Each structure stands twice: as structure tokens, then as C-alpha cells.
């Protein structure tokens, strides 16, 4: 008896054949589309979960800066610049060395408080930082610079009261613009290396004080933070302290031993 072929036989793939059955082509296209779409969705979800790195940046487009003013050493080195058209109340810039180092060793060799400094500006929100370059560096003010500074004496810090704030301790250099986002647990080791090297620590608050959410940190007496701060870096904490204003910069004077990890 002759066996008749069935019209509804299930198609299958033959390795040596260049022909792929139509239904199998549709199946492969559907699976590939779902796979690619799933990867795209996963990438979007991961990207959406990452914190906004913010608007910190290294202002190379401004070119090298040559600034003159008065040096303050505590809590961390600051350059206080006389009032100008753009900064009618004066301007305070944090100072930072190349690499993971502060400028403390450099300024220890300078006897004068009226100085000039050159480098690249780093900026984020109300915080300004000058990354010291090689051409001018930091030096006692020349006669020409002294004439521009004049008899300027920076005003005393303006007290803004006692505050209990929630936020994160970051290193000023990376957070202000040298690295983005420069915060969070993934940045903890780098932040501690920078702060231990003399970079100014900053407090990033979840709520503003006098319009600012970024603060240079100090101990209750206005000195650098103790080494015990390292355990708190990159964690969400609640801490209380006095806030004072120096030109456009706010300083948060805290006792790290009273900080509470949230």
C-alpha cells in the first residue's frame, strides 16, 4: 500500500540545508526581538536608577585663572577675593593641589597672607575651587598684585545659627567637578584618600540653608575634621552643628562623634 504524505507535517531545520522553514523564521524573529527589547529595557532601568551626576565641572573653557586675595588656612585653605562686579560680597575659593593632595604643604612655605594663585577653576553650585597649576602656583603677592588687593581685609564669618542636617560627606575635589558623580559608596575609598591627603571635605545636604546645599566642613572649633570622619564618608547621616557664611561659601562646623548613620 502506498503511504500518502500528510499536508500538516511539522517543519524542522536541516543543518545542511540553506532553507529555514517559514514558521521557524517567525519564531526566531520574535525571540530575537524580545531579547533585544529586554536588554534595552534593562539598560534603561539601570540608567534611571543612577543618581544624577549634577552640574559640577572643570571650567577649562574659562582658561587658566590668575587670582589675587587673602589666604585663610582654617578649616581648609581658602582664597578670599575682594568684592567685584560679579561678586559684590566677595568670593571664597577652596584650594586644591594636583592629584589627591591639598595645598597645606605649599602654603606652609608662604609667610605672607596676601597671595596670588593660578590654576583651573572647578565649580558646582555655590562652591568654587581652584586647582593649582604649575605656571603661577601659589606665591606671595607681587607689588602689582598688592596694589590690586589694596588694604582688603575679609569680613568675619557671618553666623547663620545651629542646624541639624541630613546628607553625605564627600571630598570637595571630586564632588565639585574633578570626577562625576563623586559621591556614594562606590566613591568612598577615593573620597577618603582625597580627604586624608588634605582635600577639603564637603557636606551635601538634602535641604538648603540660605539657598545653599553644599558646605565646607570643619570641627566645632573651626579646625579640620578629625580622622574619625572616614567611617562616615559616603554614608547618609544626620548631624548637628553651627553654620557660618564666608562670602559665597557656607561652613558647617560639626562634631562627627555625634553623627547618626541613617
Protein backbone atom coordinates (compact mmCIF):
# COMPACT_ATOMS: atom_id res chain seq x y z
CA UNK A 1 0.00 0.00 0.00
CA UNK A 2 1.36 3.44 -0.88
CA UNK A 3 1.63 5.86 2.05
CA UNK A 4 0.32 9.32 1.34
CA UNK A 5 2.18 12.38 2.73
CA UNK A 6 0.44 14.49 5.34
CA UNK A 7 -0.19 18.13 4.46
CA UNK A 8 0.24 19.35 8.02
CA UNK A 9 3.66 17.89 8.77
CA UNK A 10 5.68 19.84 11.38
CA UNK A 11 8.54 21.77 9.71
CA UNK A 12 12.05 21.22 11.05
CA UNK A 13 15.55 22.59 10.46
CA UNK A 14 18.04 20.59 8.39
CA UNK A 15 21.67 21.53 9.13
CA UNK A 16 22.99 21.05 5.60
CA UNK A 17 20.13 22.99 4.00
CA UNK A 18 20.08 26.74 3.40
CA UNK A 19 16.32 26.82 3.71
CA UNK A 20 14.70 27.64 7.05
CA UNK A 21 11.01 26.81 7.39
CA UNK A 22 8.75 29.85 7.48
CA UNK A 23 7.22 29.24 10.93
CA UNK A 24 10.71 28.81 12.41
CA UNK A 25 11.81 32.14 10.90
CA UNK A 26 8.89 33.89 12.58
CA UNK A 27 9.76 32.21 15.90
CA UNK A 28 13.43 33.29 15.70
CA UNK A 29 12.49 36.88 14.81
CA UNK A 30 10.10 37.05 17.78
CA UNK A 31 12.68 35.63 20.21
CA UNK A 32 15.42 37.95 18.94
CA UNK A 33 13.12 40.97 19.20
CA UNK A 34 12.16 40.09 22.76
CA UNK A 35 15.82 39.55 23.70
CA UNK A 36 16.98 42.89 22.24
CA UNK A 37 14.00 44.70 23.76
CA UNK A 38 14.72 43.14 27.14
CA UNK A 39 18.34 44.30 27.02
CA UNK A 40 17.22 47.82 26.07
CA UNK A 41 14.73 47.86 28.96
CA UNK A 42 17.38 46.61 31.40
CA UNK A 43 19.82 49.30 30.24
CA UNK A 44 17.16 51.98 30.69
CA UNK A 45 16.29 50.71 34.19
CA UNK A 46 19.94 50.71 35.26
CA UNK A 47 20.48 54.20 33.87
CA UNK A 48 17.36 55.54 35.55
CA UNK A 49 18.48 54.17 38.92
CA UNK A 50 21.84 56.02 38.86
CA UNK A 51 21.97 59.36 40.68
CA UNK A 52 22.22 62.46 38.54
CA UNK A 53 25.93 63.37 38.50
CA UNK A 54 24.95 67.02 38.78
CA UNK A 55 26.42 70.12 37.20
CA UNK A 56 29.90 70.01 38.68
CA UNK A 57 32.60 70.64 36.08
CA UNK A 58 36.20 71.61 35.45
CA UNK A 59 35.92 75.01 33.78
CA UNK A 60 38.67 74.55 31.22
CA UNK A 61 36.72 76.72 28.79
CA UNK A 62 37.42 79.67 31.10
CA UNK A 63 41.14 79.09 30.66
CA UNK A 64 43.84 79.41 33.33
CA UNK A 65 42.86 81.68 36.22
CA UNK A 66 45.14 84.23 37.90
CA UNK A 67 43.55 85.32 41.16
CA UNK A 68 44.66 87.59 44.00
CA UNK A 69 43.38 87.82 47.54
CA UNK A 70 43.89 86.89 51.17
CA UNK A 71 44.81 83.40 52.30
CA UNK A 72 42.95 81.70 55.15
CA UNK A 73 44.30 78.38 56.42
CA UNK A 74 41.38 77.07 58.51
CA UNK A 75 39.42 74.95 58.37
CA UNK A 76 40.99 74.22 54.98
CA UNK A 77 42.94 76.63 52.74
CA UNK A 78 40.73 79.32 51.22
CA UNK A 79 41.43 82.26 48.96
CA UNK A 80 39.25 85.23 49.92
CA UNK A 81 38.94 87.61 46.98
CA UNK A 82 37.85 91.28 47.31
CA UNK A 83 34.36 92.26 46.09
CA UNK A 84 33.94 92.77 42.36
CA UNK A 85 31.19 93.45 39.85
CA UNK A 86 30.39 89.74 39.54
CA UNK A 87 30.83 89.07 43.28
CA UNK A 88 29.76 92.21 45.14
CA UNK A 89 30.06 90.46 48.52
CA UNK A 90 33.45 88.93 47.84
CA UNK A 91 34.34 85.40 46.88
CA UNK A 92 35.84 82.44 48.74
CA UNK A 93 37.54 79.66 46.79
CA UNK A 94 38.75 76.35 48.17
CA UNK A 95 42.27 75.45 47.05
CA UNK A 96 43.46 72.05 45.87
CA UNK A 97 46.72 70.58 44.63
CA UNK A 98 47.19 68.21 41.70
CA UNK A 99 46.36 64.59 42.48
CA UNK A 100 44.86 63.60 45.81
CA UNK A 101 46.56 66.33 47.83
CA UNK A 102 45.69 69.57 49.50
CA UNK A 103 47.84 72.70 49.34
CA UNK A 104 48.81 72.69 53.03
CA UNK A 105 52.46 71.87 52.31
CA UNK A 106 52.70 74.70 49.77
CA UNK A 107 51.20 77.42 51.90
CA UNK A 108 53.35 76.43 54.88
CA UNK A 109 56.28 77.97 52.96
CA UNK A 110 54.48 81.28 52.38
CA UNK A 111 54.87 83.85 55.14
CA UNK A 112 52.52 86.44 53.64
CA UNK A 113 48.74 86.21 53.80
CA UNK A 114 48.21 88.32 50.70
CA UNK A 115 48.85 85.99 47.83
CA UNK A 116 48.21 85.26 44.19
CA UNK A 117 47.34 81.85 42.81
CA UNK A 118 46.90 80.37 39.37
CA UNK A 119 45.18 77.29 38.02
CA UNK A 120 41.94 75.86 36.67
CA UNK A 121 38.56 76.61 38.18
CA UNK A 122 36.29 73.81 39.40
CA UNK A 123 32.70 74.74 40.14
CA UNK A 124 29.46 73.26 41.41
CA UNK A 125 26.53 75.31 42.62
CA UNK A 126 27.70 77.78 45.27
CA UNK A 127 31.11 76.12 45.64
CA UNK A 128 34.21 77.33 43.82
CA UNK A 129 37.59 75.62 43.89
CA UNK A 130 40.90 76.49 42.28
CA UNK A 131 43.05 73.58 41.13
CA UNK A 132 46.54 74.97 41.46
CA UNK A 133 48.58 74.88 38.25
CA UNK A 134 52.32 74.98 37.61
CA UNK A 135 52.82 78.33 35.91
CA UNK A 136 51.89 80.60 38.83
CA UNK A 137 51.13 78.13 41.61
CA UNK A 138 50.69 79.85 44.96
CA UNK A 139 53.03 82.65 45.95
CA UNK A 140 53.25 85.81 47.99
CA UNK A 141 51.63 88.68 46.15
CA UNK A 142 53.86 90.78 43.91
CA UNK A 143 53.81 94.57 44.15
CA UNK A 144 51.37 94.69 41.23
CA UNK A 145 49.06 92.19 42.94
CA UNK A 146 49.31 94.05 46.25
CA UNK A 147 48.14 97.21 44.52
CA UNK A 148 45.05 95.37 43.27
CA UNK A 149 44.30 93.72 46.62
CA UNK A 150 44.82 97.01 48.45
CA UNK A 151 44.02 97.03 52.14
CA UNK A 152 41.24 94.47 51.77
CA UNK A 153 40.50 92.50 54.92
CA UNK A 154 37.96 89.67 54.60
CA UNK A 155 34.89 90.20 56.79
CA UNK A 156 34.40 87.95 59.78
CA UNK A 157 32.22 84.87 59.25
CA UNK A 158 28.50 85.58 59.44
CA UNK A 159 26.76 83.14 61.84
CA UNK A 160 23.60 81.55 60.42
CA UNK A 161 22.58 79.61 63.53
CA UNK A 162 22.61 76.00 64.59
CA UNK A 163 21.21 73.40 62.20
CA UNK A 164 20.51 69.66 62.15
CA UNK A 165 21.03 68.47 58.59
CA UNK A 166 20.80 65.21 56.70
CA UNK A 167 23.26 64.49 53.93
CA UNK A 168 26.57 62.97 52.87
CA UNK A 169 30.22 63.79 53.47
CA UNK A 170 32.13 63.92 50.16
CA UNK A 171 35.59 65.04 49.18
CA UNK A 172 35.48 68.54 47.76
CA UNK A 173 37.71 67.99 44.76
CA UNK A 174 35.87 65.09 43.16
CA UNK A 175 32.40 66.30 44.09
CA UNK A 176 32.92 69.85 42.86
CA UNK A 177 34.00 68.72 39.41
CA UNK A 178 37.14 66.59 39.13
CA UNK A 179 35.04 63.41 38.97
CA UNK A 180 31.37 62.73 38.37
CA UNK A 181 29.29 61.88 40.29
CA UNK A 182 31.97 61.91 43.01
CA UNK A 183 29.63 60.62 45.72
CA UNK A 184 28.06 57.44 47.09
CA UNK A 185 29.54 54.18 48.37
CA UNK A 186 31.26 53.47 45.05
CA UNK A 187 33.34 56.61 45.65
CA UNK A 188 34.07 56.05 49.36
CA UNK A 189 37.67 54.80 49.02
CA UNK A 190 38.61 57.59 46.61
CA UNK A 191 36.95 60.22 48.80
CA UNK A 192 38.83 59.08 51.91
CA UNK A 193 42.14 59.13 50.04
CA UNK A 194 41.49 62.70 48.87
CA UNK A 195 40.43 63.96 52.30
CA UNK A 196 43.32 62.19 54.04
CA UNK A 197 45.63 63.91 51.55
CA UNK A 198 44.33 67.34 52.54
CA UNK A 199 41.43 67.90 50.14
CA UNK A 200 38.58 69.83 51.79
CA UNK A 201 35.62 67.66 52.83
CA UNK A 202 32.17 68.98 51.94
CA UNK A 203 28.72 68.18 53.23
CA UNK A 204 26.00 67.67 50.62
CA UNK A 205 22.69 68.37 52.35
CA UNK A 206 19.24 67.16 51.38
CA UNK A 207 17.83 70.58 52.38
CA UNK A 208 19.28 74.04 51.73
CA UNK A 209 20.44 76.64 54.23
CA UNK A 210 20.41 80.23 52.99
CA UNK A 211 19.89 78.89 49.47
CA UNK A 212 22.92 76.56 49.54
CA UNK A 213 23.06 72.76 49.85
CA UNK A 214 26.86 72.44 49.83
CA UNK A 215 29.01 73.19 52.88
CA UNK A 216 32.72 73.14 53.65
CA UNK A 217 33.14 71.04 56.79
CA UNK A 218 35.02 71.89 60.00
CA UNK A 219 35.10 70.68 63.59
CA UNK A 220 33.23 72.70 66.26
CA UNK A 221 36.28 74.96 66.77
CA UNK A 222 36.73 75.70 63.08
CA UNK A 223 39.64 73.29 62.58
CA UNK A 224 39.95 70.38 60.11
CA UNK A 225 37.84 67.30 60.78
CA UNK A 226 39.39 64.54 62.93
CA UNK A 227 40.42 61.26 61.32
CA UNK A 228 37.30 59.59 62.69
CA UNK A 229 35.32 61.22 59.86
CA UNK A 230 36.47 58.48 57.45
CA UNK A 231 33.91 55.98 58.76
CA UNK A 232 31.10 58.39 57.86
CA UNK A 233 32.19 59.36 54.35
CA UNK A 234 29.74 58.39 51.56
CA UNK A 235 27.00 57.41 54.04
CA UNK A 236 23.68 59.15 54.58
CA UNK A 237 23.99 60.73 58.03
CA UNK A 238 22.22 63.20 60.30
CA UNK A 239 24.42 65.67 62.17
CA UNK A 240 24.02 68.93 64.05
CA UNK A 241 26.30 71.94 64.02
CA UNK A 242 26.75 75.67 63.54
CA UNK A 243 26.63 77.17 60.05
CA UNK A 244 28.57 80.30 59.15
CA UNK A 245 28.94 82.20 55.90
CA UNK A 246 32.21 83.37 54.38
CA UNK A 247 31.46 85.40 51.28
CA UNK A 248 29.65 82.95 48.96
CA UNK A 249 30.73 79.84 50.90
CA UNK A 250 28.94 78.20 53.84
CA UNK A 251 30.92 76.36 56.53
CA UNK A 252 29.26 73.63 58.61
CA UNK A 253 31.02 73.12 61.96
CA UNK A 254 30.17 69.65 63.26
CA UNK A 255 31.16 67.15 65.93
CA UNK A 256 31.49 63.91 63.93
CA UNK A 257 31.16 61.81 67.10
CA UNK A 258 27.50 62.87 67.34
CA UNK A 259 26.63 61.99 63.73
CA UNK A 260 23.93 59.39 63.25
CA UNK A 261 24.04 57.00 60.29
CA UNK A 262 20.59 56.67 58.72
